[in-house]
Amino acid sequence: KSTMYLQMNSLLPEDTAVYYCAASLRG
């Protein structure tokens, strides 16, 4: 599906933010 996931557990108020995905074709 060309998809990456971020499973977030035990979330805290300080986890509040804008979350960004970043990609590079390089290793």
PDB file of all heavy atoms in Angstrom:
ATOM      1  N   LYS A   1       0.820  -1.213   0.000  1.00  0.00           N
ATOM      2  CA  LYS A   1       0.000   0.000   0.000  1.00  0.00           C
ATOM      3  C   LYS A   1       0.853   1.261   0.000  1.00  0.00           C
ATOM      4  O   LYS A   1       0.327   2.366   0.093  1.00  0.00           O
ATOM      5  CB  LYS A   1      -0.932   0.018   1.206  1.00  0.00           C
ATOM      6  CG  LYS A   1      -1.940  -1.121   1.232  1.00  0.00           C
ATOM      7  CD  LYS A   1      -2.848  -1.013   2.451  1.00  0.00           C
ATOM      8  CE  LYS A   1      -3.874  -2.142   2.457  1.00  0.00           C
ATOM      9  NZ  LYS A   1      -4.753  -2.064   3.655  1.00  0.00           N
ATOM     10  N   SER A   2       2.191   1.087  -0.076  1.00  0.00           N
ATOM     11  CA  SER A   2       3.117   2.231  -0.021  1.00  0.00           C
ATOM     12  C   SER A   2       2.811   3.111   1.185  1.00  0.00           C
ATOM     13  O   SER A   2       2.829   4.346   1.087  1.00  0.00           O
ATOM     14  CB  SER A   2       3.023   3.052  -1.316  1.00  0.00           C
ATOM     15  OG  SER A   2       3.429   2.290  -2.418  1.00  0.00           O
ATOM     16  N   THR A   3       2.557   2.483   2.295  1.00  0.00           N
ATOM     17  CA  THR A   3       2.111   3.203   3.483  1.00  0.00           C
ATOM     18  C   THR A   3       2.935   2.824   4.702  1.00  0.00           C
ATOM     19  O   THR A   3       3.237   1.648   4.926  1.00  0.00           O
ATOM     20  CB  THR A   3       0.626   2.913   3.766  1.00  0.00           C
ATOM     21  OG1 THR A   3      -0.150   3.327   2.631  1.00  0.00           O
ATOM     22  CG2 THR A   3       0.145   3.657   4.995  1.00  0.00           C
ATOM     23  N   MET A   4       3.296   3.848   5.469  1.00  0.00           N
ATOM     24  CA  MET A   4       3.951   3.670   6.754  1.00  0.00           C
ATOM     25  C   MET A   4       2.972   4.095   7.837  1.00  0.00           C
ATOM     26  O   MET A   4       2.151   4.988   7.621  1.00  0.00           O
ATOM     27  CB  MET A   4       5.211   4.525   6.835  1.00  0.00           C
ATOM     28  CG  MET A   4       5.911   4.479   8.192  1.00  0.00           C
ATOM     29  SD  MET A   4       7.418   5.475   8.252  1.00  0.00           S
ATOM     30  CE  MET A   4       6.745   7.128   8.183  1.00  0.00           C
ATOM     31  N   TYR A   5       3.090   3.461   8.988  1.00  0.00           N
ATOM     32  CA  TYR A   5       2.188   3.756  10.087  1.00  0.00           C
ATOM     33  C   TYR A   5       2.966   4.177  11.330  1.00  0.00           C
ATOM     34  O   TYR A   5       4.122   3.817  11.512  1.00  0.00           O
ATOM     35  CB  TYR A   5       1.333   2.528  10.427  1.00  0.00           C
ATOM     36  CG  TYR A   5       0.550   1.994   9.264  1.00  0.00           C
ATOM     37  CD1 TYR A   5       1.024   0.918   8.526  1.00  0.00           C
ATOM     38  CD2 TYR A   5      -0.668   2.568   8.899  1.00  0.00           C
ATOM     39  CE1 TYR A   5       0.315   0.426   7.442  1.00  0.00           C
ATOM     40  CE2 TYR A   5      -1.380   2.083   7.819  1.00  0.00           C
ATOM     41  CZ  TYR A   5      -0.893   1.013   7.095  1.00  0.00           C
ATOM     42  OH  TYR A   5      -1.601   0.536   6.022  1.00  0.00           O
ATOM     43  N   LEU A   6       2.303   4.934  12.175  1.00  0.00           N
ATOM     44  CA  LEU A   6       2.841   5.251  13.490  1.00  0.00           C
ATOM     45  C   LEU A   6       1.761   4.905  14.506  1.00  0.00           C
ATOM     46  O   LEU A   6       0.753   5.604  14.602  1.00  0.00           O
ATOM     47  CB  LEU A   6       3.221   6.727  13.613  1.00  0.00           C
ATOM     48  CG  LEU A   6       3.835   7.115  14.957  1.00  0.00           C
ATOM     49  CD1 LEU A   6       5.197   6.449  15.142  1.00  0.00           C
ATOM     50  CD2 LEU A   6       3.965   8.634  15.089  1.00  0.00           C
ATOM     51  N   GLN A   7       1.966   3.810  15.219  1.00  0.00           N
ATOM     52  CA  GLN A   7       1.050   3.411  16.275  1.00  0.00           C
ATOM     53  C   GLN A   7       1.472   4.111  17.553  1.00  0.00           C
ATOM     54  O   GLN A   7       2.598   3.949  18.018  1.00  0.00           O
ATOM     55  CB  GLN A   7       1.074   1.894  16.474  1.00  0.00           C
ATOM     56  CG  GLN A   7       0.199   1.404  17.619  1.00  0.00           C
ATOM     57  CD  GLN A   7      -1.278   1.612  17.335  1.00  0.00           C
ATOM     58  OE1 GLN A   7      -1.773   1.300  16.261  1.00  0.00           O
ATOM     59  NE2 GLN A   7      -1.990   2.152  18.327  1.00  0.00           N
ATOM     60  N   MET A   8       0.571   4.891  18.111  1.00  0.00           N
ATOM     61  CA  MET A   8       0.874   5.671  19.306  1.00  0.00           C
ATOM     62  C   MET A   8      -0.005   5.192  20.454  1.00  0.00           C
ATOM     63  O   MET A   8      -1.241   5.251  20.367  1.00  0.00           O
ATOM     64  CB  MET A   8       0.631   7.162  19.037  1.00  0.00           C
ATOM     65  CG  MET A   8       1.391   7.693  17.833  1.00  0.00           C
ATOM     66  SD  MET A   8       1.209   9.474  17.614  1.00  0.00           S
ATOM     67  CE  MET A   8      -0.522   9.582  17.192  1.00  0.00           C
ATOM     68  N   ASN A   9       0.630   4.717  21.499  1.00  0.00           N
ATOM     69  CA  ASN A   9      -0.079   4.225  22.683  1.00  0.00           C
ATOM     70  C   ASN A   9       0.281   5.067  23.904  1.00  0.00           C
ATOM     71  O   ASN A   9       1.277   5.798  23.898  1.00  0.00           O
ATOM     72  CB  ASN A   9       0.280   2.764  22.936  1.00  0.00           C
ATOM     73  CG  ASN A   9      -0.109   1.855  21.792  1.00  0.00           C
ATOM     74  OD1 ASN A   9      -1.118   2.065  21.118  1.00  0.00           O
ATOM     75  ND2 ASN A   9       0.703   0.838  21.545  1.00  0.00           N
ATOM     76  N   SER A  10      -0.520   4.942  24.931  1.00  0.00           N
ATOM     77  CA  SER A  10      -0.278   5.659  26.191  1.00  0.00           C
ATOM     78  C   SER A  10      -0.006   7.134  25.947  1.00  0.00           C
ATOM     79  O   SER A  10       0.957   7.713  26.460  1.00  0.00           O
ATOM     80  CB  SER A  10       0.918   5.020  26.935  1.00  0.00           C
ATOM     81  OG  SER A  10       0.698   3.650  27.170  1.00  0.00           O
ATOM     82  N   LEU A  11      -0.865   7.747  25.169  1.00  0.00           N
ATOM     83  CA  LEU A  11      -0.652   9.138  24.793  1.00  0.00           C
ATOM     84  C   LEU A  11      -0.782  10.078  25.977  1.00  0.00           C
ATOM     85  O   LEU A  11      -1.587   9.862  26.893  1.00  0.00           O
ATOM     86  CB  LEU A  11      -1.642   9.520  23.696  1.00  0.00           C
ATOM     87  CG  LEU A  11      -1.280   8.969  22.304  1.00  0.00           C
ATOM     88  CD1 LEU A  11      -2.464   9.024  21.361  1.00  0.00           C
ATOM     89  CD2 LEU A  11      -0.106   9.747  21.725  1.00  0.00           C
ATOM     90  N   LEU A  12       0.039  11.126  25.934  1.00  0.00           N
ATOM     91  CA  LEU A  12       0.113  12.127  26.989  1.00  0.00           C
ATOM     92  C   LEU A  12      -0.275  13.485  26.419  1.00  0.00           C
ATOM     93  O   LEU A  12      -0.134  13.720  25.214  1.00  0.00           O
ATOM     94  CB  LEU A  12       1.546  12.195  27.537  1.00  0.00           C
ATOM     95  CG  LEU A  12       2.155  10.887  28.026  1.00  0.00           C
ATOM     96  CD1 LEU A  12       3.651  11.061  28.261  1.00  0.00           C
ATOM     97  CD2 LEU A  12       1.459  10.421  29.293  1.00  0.00           C
ATOM     98  N   PRO A  13      -0.736  14.392  27.258  1.00  0.00           N
ATOM     99  CA  PRO A  13      -1.051  15.741  26.751  1.00  0.00           C
ATOM    100  C   PRO A  13       0.128  16.386  26.032  1.00  0.00           C
ATOM    101  O   PRO A  13      -0.075  17.119  25.057  1.00  0.00           O
ATOM    102  CB  PRO A  13      -1.428  16.499  28.027  1.00  0.00           C
ATOM    103  CG  PRO A  13      -1.983  15.441  28.930  1.00  0.00           C
ATOM    104  CD  PRO A  13      -1.129  14.225  28.664  1.00  0.00           C
ATOM    105  N   GLU A  14       1.333  16.100  26.473  1.00  0.00           N
ATOM    106  CA  GLU A  14       2.503  16.678  25.819  1.00  0.00           C
ATOM    107  C   GLU A  14       2.802  16.081  24.444  1.00  0.00           C
ATOM    108  O   GLU A  14       3.708  16.538  23.750  1.00  0.00           O
ATOM    109  CB  GLU A  14       3.743  16.565  26.711  1.00  0.00           C
ATOM    110  CG  GLU A  14       3.969  15.192  27.305  1.00  0.00           C
ATOM    111  CD  GLU A  14       3.419  15.076  28.719  1.00  0.00           C
ATOM    112  OE1 GLU A  14       2.268  15.531  28.956  1.00  0.00           O
ATOM    113  OE2 GLU A  14       4.146  14.527  29.585  1.00  0.00           O
ATOM    114  N   ASP A  15       2.044  15.070  24.058  1.00  0.00           N
ATOM    115  CA  ASP A  15       2.166  14.537  22.701  1.00  0.00           C
ATOM    116  C   ASP A  15       1.365  15.365  21.695  1.00  0.00           C
ATOM    117  O   ASP A  15       1.425  15.109  20.488  1.00  0.00           O
ATOM    118  CB  ASP A  15       1.677  13.083  22.649  1.00  0.00           C
ATOM    119  CG  ASP A  15       2.591  12.129  23.407  1.00  0.00           C
ATOM    120  OD1 ASP A  15       3.822  12.289  23.305  1.00  0.00           O
ATOM    121  OD2 ASP A  15       2.059  11.232  24.099  1.00  0.00           O
ATOM    122  N   THR A  16       0.623  16.330  22.181  1.00  0.00           N
ATOM    123  CA  THR A  16      -0.150  17.193  21.302  1.00  0.00           C
ATOM    124  C   THR A  16       0.765  17.988  20.387  1.00  0.00           C
ATOM    125  O   THR A  16       1.677  18.681  20.846  1.00  0.00           O
ATOM    126  CB  THR A  16      -1.018  18.162  22.131  1.00  0.00           C
ATOM    127  OG1 THR A  16      -1.978  17.403  22.880  1.00  0.00           O
ATOM    128  CG2 THR A  16      -1.738  19.151  21.233  1.00  0.00           C
ATOM    129  N   ALA A  17       0.545  17.853  19.093  1.00  0.00           N
ATOM    130  CA  ALA A  17       1.402  18.507  18.101  1.00  0.00           C
ATOM    131  C   ALA A  17       0.856  18.220  16.706  1.00  0.00           C
ATOM    132  O   ALA A  17      -0.071  17.429  16.535  1.00  0.00           O
ATOM    133  CB  ALA A  17       2.834  17.994  18.201  1.00  0.00           C
ATOM    134  N   VAL A  18       1.458  18.874  15.729  1.00  0.00           N
ATOM    135  CA  VAL A  18       1.246  18.497  14.332  1.00  0.00           C
ATOM    136  C   VAL A  18       2.297  17.448  13.992  1.00  0.00           C
ATOM    137  O   VAL A  18       3.495  17.672  14.212  1.00  0.00           O
ATOM    138  CB  VAL A  18       1.359  19.701  13.387  1.00  0.00           C
ATOM    139  CG1 VAL A  18       1.194  19.255  11.936  1.00  0.00           C
ATOM    140  CG2 VAL A  18       0.310  20.757  13.745  1.00  0.00           C
ATOM    141  N   TYR A  19       1.839  16.336  13.488  1.00  0.00           N
ATOM    142  CA  TYR A  19       2.730  15.223  13.167  1.00  0.00           C
ATOM    143  C   TYR A  19       3.007  15.199  11.669  1.00  0.00           C
ATOM    144  O   TYR A  19       2.080  15.265  10.855  1.00  0.00           O
ATOM    145  CB  TYR A  19       2.101  13.906  13.615  1.00  0.00           C
ATOM    146  CG  TYR A  19       2.203  13.696  15.106  1.00  0.00           C
ATOM    147  CD1 TYR A  19       1.517  14.536  15.995  1.00  0.00           C
ATOM    148  CD2 TYR A  19       3.010  12.704  15.639  1.00  0.00           C
ATOM    149  CE1 TYR A  19       1.631  14.378  17.366  1.00  0.00           C
ATOM    150  CE2 TYR A  19       3.128  12.528  17.011  1.00  0.00           C
ATOM    151  CZ  TYR A  19       2.441  13.371  17.863  1.00  0.00           C
ATOM    152  OH  TYR A  19       2.557  13.200  19.222  1.00  0.00           O
ATOM    153  N   TYR A  20       4.288  15.076  11.338  1.00  0.00           N
ATOM    154  CA  TYR A  20       4.718  15.089   9.951  1.00  0.00           C
ATOM    155  C   TYR A  20       5.406  13.790   9.568  1.00  0.00           C
ATOM    156  O   TYR A  20       6.162  13.222  10.346  1.00  0.00           O
ATOM    157  CB  TYR A  20       5.706  16.230   9.712  1.00  0.00           C
ATOM    158  CG  TYR A  20       5.139  17.611   9.895  1.00  0.00           C
ATOM    159  CD1 TYR A  20       5.219  18.246  11.133  1.00  0.00           C
ATOM    160  CD2 TYR A  20       4.524  18.274   8.843  1.00  0.00           C
ATOM    161  CE1 TYR A  20       4.702  19.518  11.309  1.00  0.00           C
ATOM    162  CE2 TYR A  20       4.003  19.551   9.015  1.00  0.00           C
ATOM    163  CZ  TYR A  20       4.093  20.156  10.250  1.00  0.00           C
ATOM    164  OH  TYR A  20       3.573  21.422  10.415  1.00  0.00           O
ATOM    165  N   CYS A  21       5.151  13.384   8.347  1.00  0.00           N
ATOM    166  CA  CYS A  21       5.846  12.245   7.758  1.00  0.00           C
ATOM    167  C   CYS A  21       6.901  12.786   6.805  1.00  0.00           C
ATOM    168  O   CYS A  21       6.643  13.737   6.058  1.00  0.00           O
ATOM    169  CB  CYS A  21       4.849  11.367   7.021  1.00  0.00           C
ATOM    170  SG  CYS A  21       5.574   9.960   6.151  1.00  0.00           S
ATOM    171  N   ALA A  22       8.071  12.181   6.830  1.00  0.00           N
ATOM    172  CA  ALA A  22       9.165  12.597   5.964  1.00  0.00           C
ATOM    173  C   ALA A  22       9.706  11.388   5.219  1.00  0.00           C
ATOM    174  O   ALA A  22       9.728  10.277   5.758  1.00  0.00           O
ATOM    175  CB  ALA A  22      10.277  13.239   6.790  1.00  0.00           C
ATOM    176  N   ALA A  23      10.153  11.620   3.999  1.00  0.00           N
ATOM    177  CA  ALA A  23      10.619  10.510   3.175  1.00  0.00           C
ATOM    178  C   ALA A  23      11.854  10.901   2.386  1.00  0.00           C
ATOM    179  O   ALA A  23      11.998  12.044   1.948  1.00  0.00           O
ATOM    180  CB  ALA A  23       9.518  10.050   2.224  1.00  0.00           C
ATOM    181  N   SER A  24      12.723   9.923   2.218  1.00  0.00           N
ATOM    182  CA  SER A  24      13.888  10.077   1.351  1.00  0.00           C
ATOM    183  C   SER A  24      14.048   8.805   0.532  1.00  0.00           C
ATOM    184  O   SER A  24      13.846   7.706   1.059  1.00  0.00           O
ATOM    185  CB  SER A  24      15.150  10.320   2.181  1.00  0.00           C
ATOM    186  OG  SER A  24      16.295  10.323   1.341  1.00  0.00           O
ATOM    187  N   LEU A  25      14.407   8.967  -0.705  1.00  0.00           N
ATOM    188  CA  LEU A  25      14.657   7.796  -1.541  1.00  0.00           C
ATOM    189  C   LEU A  25      16.020   7.183  -1.231  1.00  0.00           C
ATOM    190  O   LEU A  25      16.320   6.074  -1.671  1.00  0.00           O
ATOM    191  CB  LEU A  25      14.580   8.179  -3.026  1.00  0.00           C
ATOM    192  CG  LEU A  25      13.200   8.619  -3.524  1.00  0.00           C
ATOM    193  CD1 LEU A  25      13.261   9.024  -4.984  1.00  0.00           C
ATOM    194  CD2 LEU A  25      12.164   7.530  -3.314  1.00  0.00           C
ATOM    195  N   ARG A  26      16.816   7.902  -0.450  1.00  0.00           N
ATOM    196  CA  ARG A  26      18.126   7.391  -0.065  1.00  0.00           C
ATOM    197  C   ARG A  26      18.018   6.529   1.183  1.00  0.00           C
ATOM    198  O   ARG A  26      17.120   6.699   1.992  1.00  0.00           O
ATOM    199  CB  ARG A  26      19.072   8.564   0.210  1.00  0.00           C
ATOM    200  CG  ARG A  26      19.323   9.464  -0.994  1.00  0.00           C
ATOM    201  CD  ARG A  26      20.168  10.670  -0.586  1.00  0.00           C
ATOM    202  NE  ARG A  26      19.475  11.534   0.344  1.00  0.00           N
ATOM    203  CZ  ARG A  26      20.030  12.029   1.448  1.00  0.00           C
ATOM    204  NH1 ARG A  26      21.273  11.715   1.763  1.00  0.00           N
ATOM    205  NH2 ARG A  26      19.338  12.839   2.235  1.00  0.00           N
ATOM    206  N   GLY A  27      18.931   5.629   1.325  1.00  0.00           N
ATOM    207  CA  GLY A  27      19.026   4.822   2.536  1.00  0.00           C
ATOM    208  C   GLY A  27      19.938   5.525   3.516  1.00  0.00           C
ATOM    209  O   GLY A  27      21.161   5.460   3.394  1.00  0.00           O
TER     210      GLY A  27
END
